[in-house]
Amino acid sequence: MFTNQTFVGTVHYVAPEALSINAPKYSAKSDIYSYAVLAWEVSARRIPYKKSEPSVIVAMVRGGNREELKLVPDQELRPFIEKAWHQDPDQRPTSAEILELLQHPSMRMWSALMTT
């Protein structure tokens, strides 16, 4: 939420379309973006954008900049995160696609973490 051009909330997980000053848009795809950032955080074992001020994070996310995928040790998880935090919400997977991915044998560890 913006109040007098100041963001209120946990900006680390907010999708770029929801950070628009003129017309913020929220959808299920915004939640997918947040899920991707959380998956990055759990895998990298770091708070995203930890040392950045909220205004810097907003500028980075609006500009399409994300945390470094090389910090994610699970190479099979990287493509999922990259797609799920895509700048364009239409390019992000649906919830059904994420559930299908988590059922894949290569993602068993993530499936257990995300469903317990």
Protein backbone atom coordinates (compact mmCIF):
# COMPACT_ATOMS: atom_id res chain seq x y z
CA MET A 1 0.00 0.00 0.00
CA PHE A 2 1.24 3.50 -0.77
CA THR A 3 0.57 6.44 1.52
CA ASN A 4 1.78 9.81 0.24
CA GLN A 5 4.30 8.06 -2.05
CA THR A 6 5.61 5.92 0.84
CA PHE A 7 5.18 2.18 0.80
CA VAL A 8 3.66 0.55 3.88
CA GLY A 9 4.21 -3.19 4.30
CA THR A 10 6.80 -5.86 3.61
CA VAL A 11 8.10 -4.65 0.29
CA HIS A 12 10.50 -7.58 -0.12
CA TYR A 13 7.71 -9.84 -1.39
CA VAL A 14 5.54 -7.41 -3.36
CA ALA A 15 5.13 -7.99 -7.10
CA PRO A 16 6.17 -5.23 -9.50
CA GLU A 17 2.63 -4.65 -10.76
CA ALA A 18 1.49 -4.03 -7.19
CA LEU A 19 4.22 -1.41 -6.76
CA SER A 20 2.82 0.84 -9.48
CA ILE A 21 2.21 4.35 -8.16
CA ASN A 22 -0.58 5.21 -10.59
CA ALA A 23 -2.56 1.99 -10.76
CA PRO A 24 -1.37 -0.87 -8.55
CA LYS A 25 -2.74 -4.21 -9.74
CA TYR A 26 -3.11 -7.29 -7.57
CA SER A 27 -3.98 -10.77 -8.74
CA ALA A 28 -3.25 -14.41 -8.04
CA LYS A 29 -0.13 -13.88 -10.15
CA SER A 30 1.04 -11.30 -7.58
CA ASP A 31 0.88 -14.07 -4.99
CA ILE A 32 2.92 -16.33 -7.29
CA TYR A 33 5.61 -13.64 -7.38
CA SER A 34 5.64 -13.52 -3.56
CA TYR A 35 5.83 -17.31 -3.43
CA ALA A 36 8.89 -17.22 -5.70
CA VAL A 37 10.64 -14.70 -3.47
CA LEU A 38 9.85 -16.89 -0.46
CA ALA A 39 11.23 -19.96 -2.27
CA TRP A 40 14.39 -17.96 -3.03
CA GLU A 41 14.66 -16.93 0.63
CA VAL A 42 14.22 -20.48 1.97
CA SER A 43 16.71 -21.91 -0.49
CA ALA A 44 19.31 -19.13 -0.27
CA ARG A 45 18.83 -18.87 3.50
CA ARG A 46 18.87 -15.09 3.27
CA ILE A 47 16.32 -12.34 3.58
CA PRO A 48 15.82 -10.88 0.11
CA TYR A 49 17.31 -7.44 -0.44
CA LYS A 50 18.42 -7.58 3.20
CA LYS A 51 20.61 -4.48 3.28
CA SER A 52 18.48 -2.31 0.99
CA GLU A 53 16.10 0.43 1.99
CA PRO A 54 12.45 -0.09 1.00
CA SER A 55 12.62 2.68 -1.63
CA VAL A 56 15.65 0.97 -3.23
CA ILE A 57 13.86 -2.39 -3.25
CA VAL A 58 10.82 -0.81 -4.92
CA ALA A 59 13.03 0.76 -7.60
CA MET A 60 14.87 -2.51 -8.16
CA VAL A 61 11.70 -4.60 -8.49
CA ARG A 62 9.99 -2.06 -10.73
CA GLY A 63 13.09 -2.11 -12.92
CA GLY A 64 13.06 -5.90 -13.21
CA ASN A 65 16.01 -6.55 -10.90
CA ARG A 66 15.84 -9.58 -8.63
CA GLU A 67 18.10 -11.30 -6.15
CA GLU A 68 20.83 -13.50 -7.60
CA LEU A 69 19.69 -16.97 -8.59
CA LYS A 70 23.23 -18.30 -8.15
CA LEU A 71 22.60 -18.07 -4.38
CA VAL A 72 20.00 -20.84 -4.76
CA PRO A 73 21.96 -24.09 -4.34
CA ASP A 74 19.23 -26.28 -5.85
CA GLN A 75 19.80 -25.88 -9.59
CA GLU A 76 16.42 -27.48 -10.39
CA LEU A 77 14.64 -24.81 -8.38
CA ARG A 78 16.26 -21.86 -10.18
CA PRO A 79 14.14 -22.02 -13.38
CA PHE A 80 10.95 -22.16 -11.31
CA ILE A 81 11.92 -19.09 -9.28
CA GLU A 82 13.00 -17.21 -12.39
CA LYS A 83 9.68 -17.88 -14.10
CA ALA A 84 7.56 -17.27 -10.99
CA TRP A 85 9.05 -13.84 -10.29
CA HIS A 86 8.92 -12.76 -13.93
CA GLN A 87 8.24 -9.06 -14.47
CA ASP A 88 5.21 -9.85 -16.62
CA PRO A 89 2.49 -11.52 -14.51
CA ASP A 90 1.20 -13.37 -17.59
CA GLN A 91 4.55 -15.19 -17.82
CA ARG A 92 4.30 -16.53 -14.25
CA PRO A 93 2.97 -20.05 -13.64
CA THR A 94 -0.48 -20.65 -12.25
CA SER A 95 -1.07 -22.25 -8.85
CA ALA A 96 -2.06 -25.47 -10.63
CA GLU A 97 1.22 -25.47 -12.55
CA ILE A 98 3.14 -24.99 -9.30
CA LEU A 99 1.32 -27.92 -7.68
CA GLU A 100 2.13 -30.07 -10.70
CA LEU A 101 5.79 -29.05 -10.50
CA LEU A 102 5.96 -29.86 -6.79
CA GLN A 103 4.72 -33.37 -7.54
CA HIS A 104 7.66 -34.02 -9.86
CA PRO A 105 10.21 -36.42 -8.28
CA SER A 106 13.03 -33.88 -8.61
CA MET A 107 11.09 -31.48 -6.41
CA ARG A 108 10.22 -33.89 -3.58
CA MET A 109 12.18 -31.90 -1.01
CA TRP A 110 10.33 -28.71 -1.91
CA SER A 111 7.01 -30.47 -2.00
CA ALA A 112 7.53 -31.67 1.58
CA LEU A 113 8.58 -28.20 2.75
CA MET A 114 5.73 -26.38 1.10
CA THR A 115 2.90 -28.70 2.10
CA THR A 116 3.62 -29.36 5.76
